[in-house]
Amino acid sequence: MLANSQGRLQDRRPLSIIDIGSNSIRLVIYEGLARSPTVLFNEKMLAGLGRGMVSTGRLDPKAVTRSLEEFRRFRSLSEQAGAAQMYVLATAAAREAVNGADFIRRAEDVLGTSIRVLSGREEACYSARGVISGFHPACGIVGDLGGGSLELVEVDGEQVGEGITLPLGGLRLHDMARGSLAEAVRITREALSKADFLKAGRGKPFYAVGGTWRNLARLHMEKTGYPLDVMHHYQLDLPQAAGFLRRVAKGEVEKVKGIQGISKNRRSLLPYGAVVLHEIITAMQPSKILMSALGVREGFLYSLLDEESRRADPLISAAEELARLRSRSVEHAYELVEWTGKSFATFGIDETEDEARYRQAACLLADIGWRAHPEYRGTQSLNIIAHASFIGVDHPGRAFLALTNLFRHEGIFTEASPEIRGLATPRYLERARVLAALMRVVYLLSAAMPGVMPRLRWEDRGRDAMALVIPSDLAGLYGERPAGRLAQLSRLIGRDLVLAVEGGPDT
């Protein structure tokens, strides 16, 4: 028998979640319960259970049949992946349909487990917790647009505030408006008038959750030629978004550049998602719209964590996991976090909370490309980091992490990827070079193994000069290459830096 794959964390037991929505049904199998969950397997079907419910009050019969057949496959896939636990959640269509209870009973028989039919409040709370788990920190209003309903709820740090469920899901709004987008606007505006707390969110972010809104964001990415194909934390600024949403809300979606990148079976609901989002913007006047790739499922997982695990930083947790899986020494990565922090302090380089977090993550990720050919380590690492399923980091932060690793491998003055460089702020670009320069010095002194960095020290030599001092018993590590690398750092930060051996002459 083959040994367990070393590409997986051995202390995790897979678990699966089946999410039964009004439009889609999805199976997600996770590597295990973790602060930053990793997906082992993901499959979706667009069942359309809620299609026609406005007129019939019942789940679509063909969709019921297709769903029950798919549940057999989902159960088998969950068992095949070795999931220790399977959770099944059902939302608006199942809880509101006349035949919803019968459908749930039949589904439970097929799946062999109980199904949790979420109330509107529970659905809103889990969506909110999904956003709380994925942003650092979350403060504003979460909107989760499904096929049957829209959940709106306030979030502030770890706190879930006031919320409301409205019948504005894409399928339902289409049916209620009888295909008229003008009527959809009227219905949406009237329903949102009941959400008084929207006005209290003025000037705060609006976190958009749900497949229809993600596809709207995908279309906006295609239209604008956005350089990073990562949905989580994609930002829509209001002036930029308003015209785009108005155009889609008029039913002109097929004329929008990039529509070919959206599946045809998703396009019909885009105008209704645009109507709802545009009306929310009008009512709330948020500072920006942030797309969340995390929602009910991830919020449910987050609720299963103990309090200590929930307090963990999701970005640092994910970076630590990659360091465990791909670096030569995870202990060396932790030493790098500590040593670069002290070096920044020594040089008088101040850090905001996020800058300190991003530096830590960059250090943990600094060696994940070591197995690649030396000529490609920088590019490979940049691509892995820029497109990793990280949470708790915005897109400029991703660019910082990716560029730091590129510079660490290919040189601090290498020509960076123009697409990724364009996402980084000038401050992030400068700091990526400084951090990479420090890495390039210390990797030559440590051979990527632990035990050296804690023994290195910066010594003030006066007149803005400093020496990086190697202990005398490690004097054999001194050489031209690390001294040359230190000279590069010296030019970068504008200080006189030399490499020295304890008790020996400066160089």
Protein backbone atom coordinates (compact mmCIF):
# COMPACT_ATOMS: atom_id res chain seq x y z
CA MET A 1 0.00 0.00 0.00
CA LEU A 2 1.26 3.47 -0.87
CA ALA A 3 2.08 5.79 2.03
CA ASN A 4 -0.13 8.78 2.71
CA SER A 5 0.58 11.74 0.45
CA GLN A 6 3.04 14.17 1.95
CA GLY A 7 1.20 16.98 0.17
CA ARG A 8 -1.47 16.87 2.85
CA LEU A 9 -1.41 17.78 6.50
CA GLN A 10 -1.46 14.53 8.41
CA ASP A 11 -3.20 15.92 11.49
CA ARG A 12 -6.44 16.68 9.59
CA ARG A 13 -9.53 14.52 9.11
CA PRO A 14 -11.65 15.42 6.09
CA LEU A 15 -15.21 16.62 6.52
CA SER A 16 -17.85 17.53 3.97
CA ILE A 17 -20.72 19.99 3.69
CA ILE A 18 -23.65 19.77 1.30
CA ASP A 19 -25.34 23.12 0.80
CA ILE A 20 -28.88 22.90 -0.59
CA GLY A 21 -29.78 26.28 -2.04
CA SER A 22 -32.68 27.57 -4.08
CA ASN A 23 -30.66 27.63 -7.30
CA SER A 24 -27.61 25.44 -6.73
CA ILE A 25 -26.60 22.45 -4.66
CA ARG A 26 -22.95 22.08 -3.77
CA LEU A 27 -20.74 19.48 -2.14
CA VAL A 28 -17.50 20.75 -0.60
CA ILE A 29 -15.05 18.34 1.03
CA TYR A 30 -12.49 20.07 3.23
CA GLU A 31 -9.07 18.77 4.26
CA GLY A 32 -10.13 19.26 7.85
CA LEU A 33 -11.52 21.69 10.39
CA ALA A 34 -9.11 24.63 10.38
CA ARG A 35 -8.97 28.42 10.72
CA SER A 36 -8.20 28.72 7.02
CA PRO A 37 -10.01 25.73 5.49
CA THR A 38 -8.57 24.01 2.43
CA VAL A 39 -10.87 22.41 -0.16
CA LEU A 40 -10.10 18.82 -1.14
CA PHE A 41 -13.01 18.46 -3.57
CA ASN A 42 -15.78 20.75 -4.80
CA GLU A 43 -18.74 19.96 -7.04
CA LYS A 44 -21.89 21.93 -7.86
CA MET A 45 -25.11 21.36 -9.74
CA LEU A 46 -27.52 24.10 -10.78
CA ALA A 47 -30.66 22.30 -9.67
CA GLY A 48 -33.10 25.22 -9.65
CA LEU A 49 -35.18 23.88 -6.77
CA GLY A 50 -36.77 27.31 -6.24
CA ARG A 51 -37.73 27.87 -9.87
CA GLY A 52 -41.43 28.68 -10.11
CA MET A 53 -42.01 28.72 -6.34
CA VAL A 54 -43.62 32.17 -6.47
CA SER A 55 -46.55 30.85 -8.49
CA THR A 56 -46.73 27.25 -7.24
CA GLY A 57 -45.39 27.44 -3.68
CA ARG A 58 -43.64 24.15 -4.40
CA LEU A 59 -40.15 22.99 -5.23
CA ASP A 60 -39.68 22.33 -8.92
CA PRO A 61 -40.48 18.60 -9.42
CA LYS A 62 -37.80 17.97 -12.03
CA ALA A 63 -35.25 19.71 -9.84
CA VAL A 64 -36.28 17.54 -6.89
CA THR A 65 -35.71 14.36 -8.92
CA ARG A 66 -32.33 15.54 -10.22
CA SER A 67 -31.25 16.65 -6.74
CA LEU A 68 -32.09 13.33 -5.10
CA GLU A 69 -30.12 11.51 -7.77
CA GLU A 70 -27.16 13.83 -7.23
CA PHE A 71 -27.31 13.32 -3.47
CA ARG A 72 -26.42 9.66 -4.03
CA ARG A 73 -23.31 10.77 -5.86
CA PHE A 74 -22.47 13.40 -3.23
CA ARG A 75 -22.73 10.83 -0.46
CA SER A 76 -20.47 8.40 -2.32
CA LEU A 77 -17.93 11.14 -3.05
CA SER A 78 -17.88 12.13 0.61
CA GLU A 79 -17.27 8.53 1.64
CA GLN A 80 -14.62 8.08 -1.07
CA ALA A 81 -12.72 11.11 0.25
CA GLY A 82 -12.75 9.64 3.75
CA ALA A 83 -14.86 12.40 5.29
CA ALA A 84 -15.25 11.71 8.98
CA GLN A 85 -18.38 13.87 9.14
CA MET A 86 -20.91 15.09 6.59
CA TYR A 87 -23.03 18.15 7.37
CA VAL A 88 -26.04 19.05 5.24
CA LEU A 89 -27.51 22.56 5.28
CA ALA A 90 -30.66 23.70 3.49
CA THR A 91 -31.78 27.29 2.98
CA ALA A 92 -34.71 29.36 1.65
CA ALA A 93 -36.39 27.06 -0.88
CA ALA A 94 -36.45 24.00 1.35
CA ARG A 95 -37.71 25.88 4.40
CA GLU A 96 -40.47 27.78 2.56
CA ALA A 97 -41.87 25.36 -0.03
CA VAL A 98 -45.11 23.49 0.64
CA ASN A 99 -43.36 20.25 -0.24
CA GLY A 100 -40.09 21.26 1.43
CA ALA A 101 -40.48 18.95 4.42
CA ASP A 102 -41.18 15.97 2.17
CA PHE A 103 -38.14 16.76 0.05
CA ILE A 104 -35.94 17.02 3.14
CA ARG A 105 -37.22 13.66 4.44
CA ARG A 106 -36.44 11.96 1.11
CA ALA A 107 -33.04 13.64 0.94
CA GLU A 108 -32.19 12.46 4.47
CA ASP A 109 -32.99 8.89 3.44
CA VAL A 110 -30.62 9.14 0.47
CA LEU A 111 -27.84 10.91 2.34
CA GLY A 112 -28.11 8.81 5.49
CA THR A 113 -27.89 11.80 7.79
CA SER A 114 -30.05 14.57 9.18
CA ILE A 115 -30.39 17.86 7.31
CA ARG A 116 -30.31 21.16 9.10
CA VAL A 117 -32.88 23.51 7.57
CA LEU A 118 -31.64 26.97 8.46
CA SER A 119 -34.00 29.74 9.48
CA GLY A 120 -33.52 33.10 7.81
CA ARG A 121 -31.74 34.39 10.90
CA GLU A 122 -29.43 31.34 11.06
CA GLU A 123 -28.61 31.71 7.37
CA ALA A 124 -27.76 35.38 7.89
CA CYS A 125 -25.61 34.60 10.94
CA TYR A 126 -23.62 31.89 9.18
CA SER A 127 -23.06 34.17 6.18
CA ALA A 128 -21.87 36.87 8.57
CA ARG A 129 -19.51 34.46 10.30
CA GLY A 130 -18.16 33.39 6.93
CA VAL A 131 -17.24 37.01 6.22
CA ILE A 132 -15.88 37.49 9.74
CA SER A 133 -13.65 34.46 9.21
CA GLY A 134 -12.32 35.75 5.88
CA PHE A 135 -11.60 39.45 6.53
CA HIS A 136 -9.23 40.95 9.08
CA PRO A 137 -11.26 42.54 10.49
CA ALA A 138 -14.79 42.74 9.06
CA CYS A 139 -16.84 45.82 9.86
CA GLY A 140 -19.88 46.78 7.81
CA ILE A 141 -22.87 44.98 6.32
CA VAL A 142 -22.93 41.51 4.81
CA GLY A 143 -25.32 40.68 2.00
CA ASP A 144 -25.79 37.04 0.93
CA LEU A 145 -27.80 36.77 -2.29
CA GLY A 146 -29.06 33.28 -3.04
CA GLY A 147 -31.63 31.97 -5.43
CA GLY A 148 -34.54 32.45 -3.05
CA SER A 149 -33.59 35.10 -0.53
CA LEU A 150 -31.27 37.94 0.42
CA GLU A 151 -29.82 37.98 3.92
CA LEU A 152 -28.52 41.29 5.23
CA VAL A 153 -26.70 41.48 8.54
CA GLU A 154 -24.36 43.86 10.37
CA VAL A 155 -20.86 42.73 11.42
CA ASP A 156 -18.31 44.42 13.65
CA GLY A 157 -15.23 42.41 14.47
CA GLU A 158 -16.50 39.18 15.97
CA GLN A 159 -19.97 40.58 16.61
CA VAL A 160 -22.99 39.68 14.47
CA GLY A 161 -25.60 42.42 14.73
CA GLU A 162 -29.03 43.16 13.39
CA GLY A 163 -30.17 41.24 10.34
CA ILE A 164 -33.09 40.66 8.00
CA THR A 165 -34.12 38.13 5.35
CA LEU A 166 -35.81 39.48 2.23
CA PRO A 167 -37.42 37.62 -0.71
CA LEU A 168 -34.97 39.02 -3.23
CA GLY A 169 -33.04 35.95 -4.36
CA GLY A 170 -32.34 35.89 -8.08
CA LEU A 171 -34.79 33.14 -9.05
CA ARG A 172 -37.54 34.52 -6.84
CA LEU A 173 -37.07 38.10 -7.98
CA HIS A 174 -37.21 36.98 -11.60
CA ASP A 175 -40.48 35.14 -10.94
CA MET A 176 -42.03 37.93 -8.88
CA ALA A 177 -41.15 40.52 -11.51
CA ARG A 178 -42.35 38.20 -14.30
CA GLY A 179 -39.21 38.92 -16.23
CA SER A 180 -39.56 42.71 -16.04
CA LEU A 181 -36.39 44.40 -14.81
CA ALA A 182 -38.27 47.65 -14.17
CA GLU A 183 -40.64 45.74 -11.89
CA ALA A 184 -37.65 44.06 -10.24
CA VAL A 185 -36.31 47.52 -9.34
CA ARG A 186 -39.64 48.50 -7.76
CA ILE A 187 -39.90 45.25 -5.78
CA THR A 188 -36.29 45.50 -4.58
CA ARG A 189 -36.60 49.12 -3.54
CA GLU A 190 -39.76 48.40 -1.55
CA ALA A 191 -38.23 45.37 0.18
CA LEU A 192 -35.02 47.18 1.11
CA SER A 193 -37.01 49.96 2.75
CA LYS A 194 -37.63 47.45 5.57
CA ALA A 195 -33.90 47.18 6.26
CA ASP A 196 -33.52 50.38 8.27
CA PHE A 197 -30.05 49.44 9.50
CA LEU A 198 -28.68 49.78 5.95
CA LYS A 199 -28.45 53.53 6.48
CA ALA A 200 -26.33 52.94 9.60
CA GLY A 201 -23.76 51.25 7.35
CA ARG A 202 -23.07 54.42 5.39
CA GLY A 203 -19.34 54.86 4.80
CA LYS A 204 -18.56 51.24 5.74
CA PRO A 205 -17.82 48.30 3.42
CA PHE A 206 -20.55 46.13 1.97
CA TYR A 207 -19.51 42.47 1.80
CA ALA A 208 -21.14 40.69 -1.15
CA VAL A 209 -21.70 36.93 -0.83
CA GLY A 210 -23.30 34.55 -3.30
CA GLY A 211 -22.80 33.05 -6.74
CA THR A 212 -24.69 35.67 -8.70
CA TRP A 213 -22.69 38.54 -7.22
CA ARG A 214 -19.44 36.63 -7.69
CA ASN A 215 -20.29 36.20 -11.36
CA LEU A 216 -21.02 39.91 -11.61
CA ALA A 217 -17.59 40.58 -10.16
CA ARG A 218 -16.09 38.05 -12.57
CA LEU A 219 -17.70 39.93 -15.46
CA HIS A 220 -16.34 43.22 -14.11
CA MET A 221 -12.85 41.69 -13.92
CA GLU A 222 -13.13 40.56 -17.53
CA LYS A 223 -14.45 43.93 -18.66
CA THR A 224 -11.70 45.93 -16.97
CA GLY A 225 -8.84 43.51 -17.66
CA TYR A 226 -8.12 43.09 -13.95
CA PRO A 227 -4.72 41.39 -13.57
CA LEU A 228 -5.44 39.01 -10.67
CA ASP A 229 -7.98 36.23 -11.07
CA VAL A 230 -8.80 35.98 -7.38
CA MET A 231 -12.36 36.62 -6.21
CA HIS A 232 -11.94 36.94 -2.46
CA HIS A 233 -11.42 40.57 -1.43
CA TYR A 234 -11.94 41.85 -4.99
CA GLN A 235 -12.98 45.46 -4.54
CA LEU A 236 -15.56 47.45 -6.47
CA ASP A 237 -15.30 51.17 -5.89
CA LEU A 238 -18.65 52.92 -6.07
CA PRO A 239 -18.10 55.37 -8.96
CA GLN A 240 -16.59 52.55 -11.00
CA ALA A 241 -19.31 50.05 -10.13
CA ALA A 242 -22.43 52.22 -10.52
CA GLY A 243 -22.35 52.54 -14.30
CA PHE A 244 -21.45 48.88 -14.73
CA LEU A 245 -24.35 47.75 -12.52
CA ARG A 246 -26.82 50.06 -14.23
CA ARG A 247 -25.88 48.64 -17.61
CA VAL A 248 -26.25 45.03 -16.49
CA ALA A 249 -29.51 45.90 -14.65
CA LYS A 250 -30.95 47.15 -17.95
CA GLY A 251 -30.55 43.68 -19.41
CA GLU A 252 -27.55 44.57 -21.56
CA VAL A 253 -25.38 41.84 -20.07
CA GLU A 254 -24.74 40.11 -23.41
CA LYS A 255 -23.17 43.32 -24.72
CA VAL A 256 -20.70 43.68 -21.87
CA LYS A 257 -17.10 42.92 -22.76
CA GLY A 258 -16.02 39.63 -21.21
CA ILE A 259 -19.45 38.00 -21.00
CA GLN A 260 -17.96 34.92 -22.70
CA GLY A 261 -16.17 34.23 -19.43
CA ILE A 262 -19.49 33.67 -17.64
CA SER A 263 -21.34 30.36 -18.10
CA LYS A 264 -24.56 30.71 -20.08
CA ASN A 265 -26.71 29.12 -17.39
CA ARG A 266 -25.58 31.85 -14.96
CA ARG A 267 -26.16 34.86 -17.21
CA SER A 268 -29.94 35.09 -16.91
CA LEU A 269 -29.78 36.01 -13.21
CA LEU A 270 -27.02 38.60 -13.53
CA PRO A 271 -29.40 41.52 -14.25
CA TYR A 272 -31.42 40.72 -11.12
CA GLY A 273 -28.26 40.51 -9.02
CA ALA A 274 -27.21 43.87 -10.47
CA VAL A 275 -30.60 45.39 -9.63
CA VAL A 276 -30.35 44.29 -5.99
CA LEU A 277 -26.73 45.39 -5.57
CA HIS A 278 -27.37 48.78 -7.18
CA GLU A 279 -30.36 49.42 -4.92
CA ILE A 280 -28.33 48.41 -1.85
CA ILE A 281 -25.64 50.90 -2.86
CA THR A 282 -28.27 53.61 -3.25
CA ALA A 283 -29.81 52.88 0.16
CA MET A 284 -26.62 52.27 2.12
CA GLN A 285 -23.94 54.45 0.43
CA PRO A 286 -21.10 52.11 1.47
CA SER A 287 -17.44 53.02 1.20
CA LYS A 288 -16.79 50.12 -1.17
CA ILE A 289 -18.04 46.70 -2.19
CA LEU A 290 -15.85 43.76 -1.19
CA MET A 291 -16.46 40.33 -2.70
CA SER A 292 -16.35 37.42 -0.30
CA ALA A 293 -15.61 33.89 -1.46
CA LEU A 294 -16.75 32.71 1.96
CA GLY A 295 -20.37 32.42 3.04
CA VAL A 296 -22.75 30.07 4.84
CA ARG A 297 -20.60 26.94 4.55
CA GLU A 298 -17.44 28.60 5.83
CA GLY A 299 -19.41 30.42 8.52
CA PHE A 300 -20.77 27.09 9.69
CA LEU A 301 -17.23 25.65 9.80
CA TYR A 302 -16.04 28.72 11.68
CA SER A 303 -18.74 28.15 14.30
CA LEU A 304 -17.38 24.63 14.90
CA LEU A 305 -13.94 25.93 15.88
CA ASP A 306 -13.01 26.47 19.50
CA GLU A 307 -12.53 30.05 20.68
CA GLU A 308 -8.73 29.93 20.52
CA SER A 309 -8.79 28.70 16.91
CA ARG A 310 -11.26 31.41 15.90
CA ARG A 311 -8.90 34.06 17.27
CA ALA A 312 -6.05 32.85 15.05
CA ASP A 313 -5.06 35.00 12.08
CA PRO A 314 -6.35 33.22 8.93
CA LEU A 315 -3.54 34.48 6.69
CA ILE A 316 -0.80 33.46 9.11
CA SER A 317 -2.49 30.08 9.63
CA ALA A 318 -2.54 29.40 5.89
CA ALA A 319 1.07 30.56 5.45
CA GLU A 320 2.17 28.31 8.32
CA GLU A 321 0.48 25.35 6.65
CA LEU A 322 2.27 26.00 3.35
CA ALA A 323 5.55 26.34 5.23
CA ARG A 324 4.95 22.94 6.84
CA LEU A 325 4.13 21.38 3.50
CA ARG A 326 6.71 22.98 1.19
CA SER A 327 9.65 24.63 2.97
CA ARG A 328 12.98 23.02 3.80
CA SER A 329 12.59 23.93 7.46
CA VAL A 330 9.52 25.39 9.09
CA GLU A 331 11.64 26.27 12.13
CA HIS A 332 13.84 28.40 9.87
CA ALA A 333 10.70 30.17 8.61
CA TYR A 334 9.69 31.07 12.15
CA GLU A 335 13.21 32.31 12.88
CA LEU A 336 12.97 34.50 9.77
CA VAL A 337 9.76 36.08 11.09
CA GLU A 338 11.51 36.96 14.36
CA TRP A 339 14.78 38.12 12.82
CA THR A 340 13.25 40.37 10.16
CA GLY A 341 10.99 41.93 12.79
CA LYS A 342 14.00 42.82 14.92
CA SER A 343 15.88 44.06 11.86
CA PHE A 344 13.01 46.35 10.85
CA ALA A 345 12.94 47.74 14.37
CA THR A 346 16.72 48.24 14.32
CA PHE A 347 16.50 50.18 11.05
CA GLY A 348 13.61 52.28 12.36
CA ILE A 349 11.15 50.87 9.79
CA ASP A 350 7.69 51.28 11.28
CA GLU A 351 4.89 48.84 10.50
CA THR A 352 1.11 49.05 10.63
CA GLU A 353 -0.74 46.01 11.96
CA ASP A 354 -1.37 44.72 8.44
CA GLU A 355 2.21 45.40 7.32
CA ALA A 356 3.51 43.34 10.25
CA ARG A 357 1.08 40.52 9.40
CA TYR A 358 2.10 40.57 5.75
CA ARG A 359 5.80 40.53 6.66
CA GLN A 360 5.23 37.49 8.87
CA ALA A 361 3.32 35.71 6.11
CA ALA A 362 6.01 36.56 3.54
CA CYS A 363 8.67 35.05 5.79
CA LEU A 364 6.65 31.87 6.29
CA LEU A 365 6.24 31.59 2.51
CA ALA A 366 9.84 32.49 1.63
CA ASP A 367 11.01 28.94 0.91
CA ILE A 368 7.97 27.27 -0.65
CA GLY A 369 9.54 27.28 -4.14
CA TRP A 370 12.84 25.62 -3.27
CA ARG A 371 12.14 22.41 -5.25
CA ALA A 372 11.82 24.31 -8.54
CA HIS A 373 14.78 24.93 -10.83
CA PRO A 374 16.71 27.97 -9.51
CA GLU A 375 15.89 29.99 -12.61
CA TYR A 376 12.16 29.58 -12.06
CA ARG A 377 11.78 29.64 -8.28
CA GLY A 378 10.86 33.32 -8.18
CA THR A 379 8.24 33.14 -10.93
CA GLN A 380 6.75 29.91 -9.62
CA SER A 381 6.56 31.27 -6.08
CA LEU A 382 4.99 34.51 -7.29
CA ASN A 383 2.26 32.62 -9.14
CA ILE A 384 1.55 30.26 -6.26
CA ILE A 385 1.28 33.06 -3.73
CA ALA A 386 -0.65 35.51 -5.90
CA HIS A 387 -3.33 32.91 -6.67
CA ALA A 388 -3.37 30.94 -3.41
CA SER A 389 -6.68 30.51 -1.61
CA PHE A 390 -5.61 32.89 1.15
CA ILE A 391 -8.10 34.81 3.25
CA GLY A 392 -7.48 37.73 5.58
CA VAL A 393 -5.44 39.58 2.94
CA ASP A 394 -6.43 42.21 0.36
CA HIS A 395 -5.12 42.23 -3.21
CA PRO A 396 -2.34 44.80 -2.61
CA GLY A 397 -1.24 42.58 0.27
CA ARG A 398 -1.17 39.56 -2.03
CA ALA A 399 1.01 41.54 -4.41
CA PHE A 400 3.41 42.35 -1.56
CA LEU A 401 3.68 38.68 -0.57
CA ALA A 402 4.23 37.54 -4.16
CA LEU A 403 6.75 40.26 -5.02
CA THR A 404 8.75 39.66 -1.85
CA ASN A 405 9.22 36.04 -2.88
CA LEU A 406 10.09 37.02 -6.45
CA PHE A 407 12.73 39.50 -5.28
CA ARG A 408 14.09 37.04 -2.71
CA HIS A 409 14.86 34.54 -5.50
CA GLU A 410 15.63 36.70 -8.54
CA GLY A 411 17.17 39.81 -7.01
CA ILE A 412 15.80 42.95 -5.42
CA PHE A 413 16.19 45.03 -8.57
CA THR A 414 14.67 42.48 -10.94
CA GLU A 415 11.91 43.70 -13.24
CA ALA A 416 8.73 42.68 -11.44
CA SER A 417 5.59 41.35 -13.10
CA PRO A 418 3.85 44.55 -14.31
CA GLU A 419 0.39 43.14 -13.55
CA ILE A 420 1.20 42.18 -9.96
CA ARG A 421 3.40 45.23 -9.44
CA GLY A 422 0.46 47.42 -10.45
CA LEU A 423 -1.59 46.05 -7.56
CA ALA A 424 1.03 46.88 -4.95
CA THR A 425 1.21 50.32 -3.41
CA PRO A 426 4.59 52.16 -3.73
CA ARG A 427 5.13 51.58 -0.01
CA TYR A 428 4.48 47.84 -0.38
CA LEU A 429 6.81 47.66 -3.38
CA GLU A 430 9.62 49.33 -1.43
CA ARG A 431 9.10 47.12 1.61
CA ALA A 432 8.99 43.98 -0.51
CA ARG A 433 12.49 44.87 -1.77
CA VAL A 434 13.81 45.58 1.74
CA LEU A 435 12.38 42.38 3.18
CA ALA A 436 13.66 40.33 0.25
CA ALA A 437 17.11 41.91 0.62
CA LEU A 438 17.23 40.80 4.26
CA MET A 439 16.20 37.30 3.21
CA ARG A 440 18.89 37.17 0.54
CA VAL A 441 21.55 37.93 3.15
CA VAL A 442 20.43 35.50 5.79
CA TYR A 443 19.71 32.56 3.50
CA LEU A 444 23.37 32.61 2.46
CA LEU A 445 24.41 32.52 6.12
CA SER A 446 21.96 29.82 7.25
CA ALA A 447 21.74 27.45 4.25
CA ALA A 448 17.96 27.57 4.89
CA MET A 449 18.48 25.63 8.13
CA PRO A 450 17.61 26.81 11.66
CA GLY A 451 19.99 27.80 14.42
CA VAL A 452 21.98 30.64 12.85
CA MET A 453 19.59 33.61 12.78
CA PRO A 454 18.97 33.76 16.53
CA ARG A 455 22.73 34.17 17.00
CA LEU A 456 23.20 37.03 14.53
CA ARG A 457 23.05 40.55 15.91
CA TRP A 458 23.08 44.11 14.59
CA GLU A 459 25.72 46.31 16.18
CA ASP A 460 25.69 50.11 16.00
CA ARG A 461 29.04 51.40 14.71
CA GLY A 462 28.13 55.10 14.84
CA ARG A 463 27.58 57.69 12.09
CA ASP A 464 24.64 55.76 10.65
CA ALA A 465 26.79 52.64 10.23
CA MET A 466 25.86 49.17 11.44
CA ALA A 467 27.45 45.73 11.39
CA LEU A 468 25.74 42.38 11.10
CA VAL A 469 27.86 40.35 13.50
CA ILE A 470 28.43 36.61 13.10
CA PRO A 471 29.49 34.73 16.28
CA SER A 472 33.13 33.69 16.28
CA ASP A 473 32.32 29.96 16.33
CA LEU A 474 30.35 30.46 13.08
CA ALA A 475 33.10 32.51 11.43
CA GLY A 476 33.28 29.98 8.59
CA LEU A 477 29.95 31.34 7.30
CA TYR A 478 31.57 34.66 6.44
CA GLY A 479 32.16 35.15 2.72
CA GLU A 480 32.08 37.46 -0.27
CA ARG A 481 28.56 36.57 -1.37
CA PRO A 482 26.73 37.40 1.90
CA ALA A 483 28.88 40.53 2.23
CA GLY A 484 27.86 41.53 -1.30
CA ARG A 485 24.21 40.89 -0.52
CA LEU A 486 24.50 43.08 2.57
CA ALA A 487 25.99 45.83 0.39
CA GLN A 488 22.84 45.67 -1.77
CA LEU A 489 20.67 46.10 1.32
CA SER A 490 22.90 49.00 2.36
CA ARG A 491 22.27 50.83 -0.92
CA LEU A 492 18.56 50.11 -0.70
CA ILE A 493 17.99 51.60 2.75
CA GLY A 494 20.67 54.29 2.54
CA ARG A 495 22.76 53.13 5.50
CA ASP A 496 26.34 51.93 5.82
CA LEU A 497 26.08 48.19 6.56
CA VAL A 498 28.99 45.77 6.90
CA LEU A 499 29.32 42.06 7.64
CA ALA A 500 31.62 41.25 10.56
CA VAL A 501 32.81 38.32 12.65
CA GLU A 502 32.75 38.76 16.40
CA GLY A 503 36.20 39.85 17.51
CA GLY A 504 37.42 40.25 13.93
CA PRO A 505 37.89 43.25 11.62
CA ASP A 506 35.00 44.92 9.79
CA THR A 507 34.66 44.45 6.08
